Every structure is written in structure tokens, then in C-alpha cells.
């Protein structure tokens, strides 16, 4: 579970970095979408880890707060980029 969560977390930043380097809005939108998907994967994994008692309530809430903060910033970026494609 730890390795899966690490891979998902790294994938968020990696996809954002790759997307930001693209000159085509469609390509940027694709990587921003992948980054957001990885963030949602991390959220799901954190819920499972909490349910399995691999994370305590404080750890889970701190992680959830960080995911929410990133998601609230990433979602508008993703949506703006998608509007440019359509």
C-alpha cells in the first residue's frame, strides 16, 4: 500500500510538470487530467489505508487536507485548459 501511495503521489507532480512543458493545449489538458486522476487514486488509497488501520485518524485527515488543497487548485487549471481544447 505504501508503494502504491508513493507512486500515485509522485505521478501527480510528474504529470503536472510534463503537462506544463507542452505547447499544445490538448496535450496540457491530457497531462493535467492524468495528474488529477492520480490525485483521486491517492485519495482512494488513503481511505483504504485508514479503513485497514494503516493510517491513524490524524494522519488520514492531514493527508486528506493536503489532497483537498491540491485538488482545489488543480481542478480549475484542468478545467481552464480543457475549455481551450473545445
N, C-alpha and C. Protein backbone atom coordinates (compact mmCIF):
# COMPACT_ATOMS: atom_id res chain seq x y z
N UNK A 1 0.82 -1.19 0.00
CA UNK A 1 0.00 0.00 0.00
C UNK A 1 0.87 1.26 0.00
N UNK A 2 1.93 1.23 0.78
CA UNK A 2 2.83 2.39 0.84
C UNK A 2 3.41 2.71 -0.52
N UNK A 3 3.87 1.67 -1.22
CA UNK A 3 4.45 1.89 -2.55
C UNK A 3 3.43 2.44 -3.53
N UNK A 4 2.22 1.93 -3.49
CA UNK A 4 1.17 2.42 -4.39
C UNK A 4 0.87 3.89 -4.11
N UNK A 5 0.81 4.24 -2.83
CA UNK A 5 0.52 5.63 -2.48
C UNK A 5 1.67 6.55 -2.90
N UNK A 6 2.88 6.09 -2.74
CA UNK A 6 4.03 6.89 -3.17
C UNK A 6 4.02 7.10 -4.68
N UNK A 7 3.74 6.03 -5.43
CA UNK A 7 3.70 6.14 -6.89
C UNK A 7 2.60 7.11 -7.33
N UNK A 8 1.44 7.04 -6.70
CA UNK A 8 0.35 7.95 -7.06
C UNK A 8 0.73 9.39 -6.75
N UNK A 9 1.34 9.62 -5.59
CA UNK A 9 1.74 10.98 -5.20
C UNK A 9 2.79 11.54 -6.16
N UNK A 10 3.77 10.73 -6.51
CA UNK A 10 4.81 11.17 -7.45
C UNK A 10 4.19 11.43 -8.83
N UNK A 11 3.24 10.61 -9.20
CA UNK A 11 2.59 10.74 -10.50
C UNK A 11 1.85 12.08 -10.64
N UNK A 12 1.29 12.57 -9.55
CA UNK A 12 0.59 13.87 -9.60
C UNK A 12 1.57 14.94 -10.08
N UNK A 13 2.66 15.10 -9.37
CA UNK A 13 3.64 16.12 -9.72
C UNK A 13 4.29 15.89 -11.07
N UNK A 14 4.57 14.64 -11.39
CA UNK A 14 5.21 14.33 -12.67
C UNK A 14 4.31 14.70 -13.84
N UNK A 15 3.03 14.39 -13.73
CA UNK A 15 2.10 14.73 -14.82
C UNK A 15 1.91 16.23 -14.96
N UNK A 16 1.88 16.94 -13.83
CA UNK A 16 1.76 18.40 -13.90
C UNK A 16 3.00 19.01 -14.56
N UNK A 17 4.16 18.51 -14.20
CA UNK A 17 5.40 19.01 -14.80
C UNK A 17 5.43 18.73 -16.30
N UNK A 18 5.06 17.53 -16.67
CA UNK A 18 5.08 17.19 -18.10
C UNK A 18 4.05 18.01 -18.86
N UNK A 19 2.86 18.17 -18.28
CA UNK A 19 1.82 18.95 -18.94
C UNK A 19 2.21 20.40 -19.11
N UNK A 20 2.86 20.96 -18.11
CA UNK A 20 3.22 22.38 -18.19
C UNK A 20 4.27 22.65 -19.27
N UNK A 21 4.99 21.63 -19.67
CA UNK A 21 6.01 21.82 -20.69
C UNK A 21 5.46 21.67 -22.10
N UNK A 22 4.21 21.25 -22.21
CA UNK A 22 3.59 21.06 -23.54
C UNK A 22 3.11 22.39 -24.09
N UNK A 23 3.29 22.58 -25.39
CA UNK A 23 2.86 23.82 -26.04
C UNK A 23 1.44 23.71 -26.58
N UNK A 24 0.94 22.53 -26.72
CA UNK A 24 -0.40 22.29 -27.25
C UNK A 24 -1.38 22.15 -26.09
N UNK A 25 -2.49 22.90 -26.13
CA UNK A 25 -3.47 22.87 -25.03
C UNK A 25 -4.06 21.48 -24.84
N UNK A 26 -4.25 20.74 -25.91
CA UNK A 26 -4.81 19.39 -25.80
C UNK A 26 -3.86 18.48 -25.02
N UNK A 27 -2.57 18.58 -25.29
CA UNK A 27 -1.57 17.79 -24.57
C UNK A 27 -1.51 18.20 -23.10
N UNK A 28 -1.53 19.52 -22.85
CA UNK A 28 -1.51 20.00 -21.46
C UNK A 28 -2.72 19.47 -20.70
N UNK A 29 -3.89 19.57 -21.32
CA UNK A 29 -5.12 19.10 -20.68
C UNK A 29 -5.03 17.61 -20.36
N UNK A 30 -4.46 16.85 -21.26
CA UNK A 30 -4.32 15.40 -21.03
C UNK A 30 -3.48 15.13 -19.78
N UNK A 31 -2.34 15.79 -19.66
CA UNK A 31 -1.47 15.54 -18.51
C UNK A 31 -2.05 16.10 -17.22
N UNK A 32 -2.76 17.24 -17.30
CA UNK A 32 -3.42 17.76 -16.11
C UNK A 32 -4.52 16.79 -15.66
N UNK A 33 -5.21 16.21 -16.62
CA UNK A 33 -6.24 15.22 -16.29
C UNK A 33 -5.61 14.00 -15.64
N UNK A 34 -4.48 13.56 -16.16
CA UNK A 34 -3.78 12.40 -15.57
C UNK A 34 -3.31 12.73 -14.15
N UNK A 35 -2.82 13.94 -13.94
CA UNK A 35 -2.40 14.35 -12.60
C UNK A 35 -3.57 14.35 -11.63
N UNK A 36 -4.71 14.86 -12.09
CA UNK A 36 -5.90 14.88 -11.24
C UNK A 36 -6.36 13.45 -10.94
N UNK A 37 -6.30 12.59 -11.94
CA UNK A 37 -6.67 11.18 -11.75
C UNK A 37 -5.76 10.52 -10.72
N UNK A 38 -4.48 10.80 -10.78
CA UNK A 38 -3.54 10.26 -9.80
C UNK A 38 -3.85 10.77 -8.41
N UNK A 39 -4.26 12.03 -8.32
CA UNK A 39 -4.63 12.60 -7.02
C UNK A 39 -5.85 11.87 -6.45
N UNK A 40 -6.82 11.57 -7.31
CA UNK A 40 -8.01 10.84 -6.85
C UNK A 40 -7.66 9.39 -6.49
N UNK A 41 -6.68 8.82 -7.17
CA UNK A 41 -6.19 7.49 -6.82
C UNK A 41 -5.57 7.52 -5.42
N UNK A 42 -4.78 8.55 -5.15
CA UNK A 42 -4.17 8.70 -3.82
C UNK A 42 -5.24 8.87 -2.75
N UNK A 43 -6.27 9.62 -3.05
CA UNK A 43 -7.37 9.78 -2.10
C UNK A 43 -8.02 8.44 -1.79
N UNK A 44 -8.29 7.68 -2.81
CA UNK A 44 -8.89 6.36 -2.63
C UNK A 44 -8.00 5.45 -1.79
N UNK A 45 -6.72 5.47 -2.09
CA UNK A 45 -5.78 4.64 -1.35
C UNK A 45 -5.67 5.07 0.11
N UNK A 46 -5.77 6.36 0.36
CA UNK A 46 -5.70 6.83 1.75
C UNK A 46 -6.93 6.37 2.54
N UNK A 47 -8.07 6.34 1.90
CA UNK A 47 -9.29 5.86 2.56
C UNK A 47 -9.15 4.38 2.89
N UNK A 48 -8.64 3.61 1.94
CA UNK A 48 -8.43 2.18 2.17
C UNK A 48 -7.41 1.97 3.29
N UNK A 49 -6.31 2.73 3.26
CA UNK A 49 -5.28 2.59 4.30
C UNK A 49 -5.85 2.92 5.68
N UNK A 50 -6.71 3.92 5.75
CA UNK A 50 -7.35 4.27 7.01
C UNK A 50 -8.29 3.14 7.45
N UNK A 51 -9.08 2.63 6.52
CA UNK A 51 -10.01 1.55 6.85
C UNK A 51 -9.28 0.28 7.33
N UNK A 52 -8.07 0.08 6.81
CA UNK A 52 -7.27 -1.09 7.21
C UNK A 52 -6.39 -0.80 8.43
N UNK A 53 -6.57 0.38 9.02
CA UNK A 53 -5.79 0.81 10.18
C UNK A 53 -4.30 0.95 9.89
N UNK A 54 -3.96 1.25 8.65
CA UNK A 54 -2.57 1.52 8.29
C UNK A 54 -2.23 2.99 8.52
N UNK A 55 -3.26 3.83 8.54
CA UNK A 55 -3.13 5.24 8.90
C UNK A 55 -4.05 5.51 10.08
N UNK A 56 -3.57 6.31 11.03
CA UNK A 56 -4.48 6.70 12.11
C UNK A 56 -5.32 7.88 11.63
N UNK A 57 -6.27 8.29 12.45
CA UNK A 57 -7.21 9.33 12.03
C UNK A 57 -6.52 10.67 11.74
N UNK A 58 -5.53 11.00 12.54
CA UNK A 58 -4.81 12.26 12.34
C UNK A 58 -4.04 12.23 11.02
N UNK A 59 -3.32 11.15 10.76
CA UNK A 59 -2.58 11.02 9.51
C UNK A 59 -3.53 11.09 8.31
N UNK A 60 -4.63 10.38 8.43
CA UNK A 60 -5.60 10.35 7.33
C UNK A 60 -6.16 11.75 7.08
N UNK A 61 -6.50 12.47 8.14
CA UNK A 61 -7.08 13.80 7.98
C UNK A 61 -6.07 14.77 7.39
N UNK A 62 -4.81 14.68 7.84
CA UNK A 62 -3.76 15.55 7.29
C UNK A 62 -3.56 15.29 5.81
N UNK A 63 -3.52 14.02 5.44
CA UNK A 63 -3.36 13.67 4.03
C UNK A 63 -4.57 14.14 3.22
N UNK A 64 -5.75 13.94 3.78
CA UNK A 64 -6.98 14.37 3.11
C UNK A 64 -6.99 15.88 2.89
N UNK A 65 -6.55 16.64 3.89
CA UNK A 65 -6.48 18.09 3.76
C UNK A 65 -5.52 18.51 2.65
N UNK A 66 -4.38 17.85 2.57
CA UNK A 66 -3.41 18.16 1.52
C UNK A 66 -3.97 17.82 0.14
N UNK A 67 -4.63 16.67 0.03
CA UNK A 67 -5.24 16.27 -1.24
C UNK A 67 -6.31 17.29 -1.65
N UNK A 68 -7.13 17.71 -0.70
CA UNK A 68 -8.17 18.70 -0.99
C UNK A 68 -7.56 20.01 -1.49
N UNK A 69 -6.51 20.50 -0.82
CA UNK A 69 -5.87 21.75 -1.22
C UNK A 69 -5.33 21.66 -2.65
N UNK A 70 -4.68 20.55 -2.95
CA UNK A 70 -4.13 20.37 -4.30
C UNK A 70 -5.27 20.25 -5.31
N UNK A 71 -6.28 19.49 -4.97
CA UNK A 71 -7.41 19.30 -5.87
C UNK A 71 -8.13 20.60 -6.18
N UNK A 72 -8.29 21.48 -5.16
CA UNK A 72 -8.96 22.76 -5.37
C UNK A 72 -8.16 23.68 -6.29
N UNK A 73 -6.86 23.49 -6.36
CA UNK A 73 -6.03 24.27 -7.27
C UNK A 73 -5.93 23.61 -8.64
N UNK A 74 -5.85 22.30 -8.64
CA UNK A 74 -5.66 21.57 -9.88
C UNK A 74 -6.93 21.53 -10.73
N UNK A 75 -8.07 21.39 -10.11
CA UNK A 75 -9.31 21.26 -10.86
C UNK A 75 -9.59 22.49 -11.74
N UNK A 76 -9.46 23.73 -11.25
CA UNK A 76 -9.66 24.88 -12.15
C UNK A 76 -8.62 24.94 -13.28
N UNK A 77 -7.38 24.58 -12.97
CA UNK A 77 -6.35 24.55 -14.01
C UNK A 77 -6.73 23.56 -15.10
N UNK A 78 -7.15 22.40 -14.69
CA UNK A 78 -7.57 21.37 -15.63
C UNK A 78 -8.76 21.84 -16.46
N UNK A 79 -9.76 22.42 -15.80
CA UNK A 79 -10.97 22.88 -16.50
C UNK A 79 -10.67 23.99 -17.47
N UNK A 80 -9.83 24.97 -17.09
CA UNK A 80 -9.46 26.05 -17.99
C UNK A 80 -8.76 25.52 -19.23
N UNK A 81 -7.87 24.58 -19.03
CA UNK A 81 -7.13 24.02 -20.16
C UNK A 81 -8.07 23.23 -21.06
N UNK A 82 -9.00 22.50 -20.48
CA UNK A 82 -9.97 21.74 -21.28
C UNK A 82 -10.86 22.67 -22.10
N UNK A 83 -11.21 23.85 -21.57
CA UNK A 83 -12.04 24.81 -22.31
C UNK A 83 -11.32 25.29 -23.56
N UNK A 84 -10.01 25.43 -23.48
CA UNK A 84 -9.23 25.87 -24.64
C UNK A 84 -9.22 24.84 -25.76
N UNK A 85 -9.38 23.58 -25.37
CA UNK A 85 -9.35 22.50 -26.36
C UNK A 85 -10.67 22.42 -27.11
N UNK A 86 -11.75 22.71 -26.41
CA UNK A 86 -13.08 22.54 -27.01
C UNK A 86 -13.52 23.68 -27.85
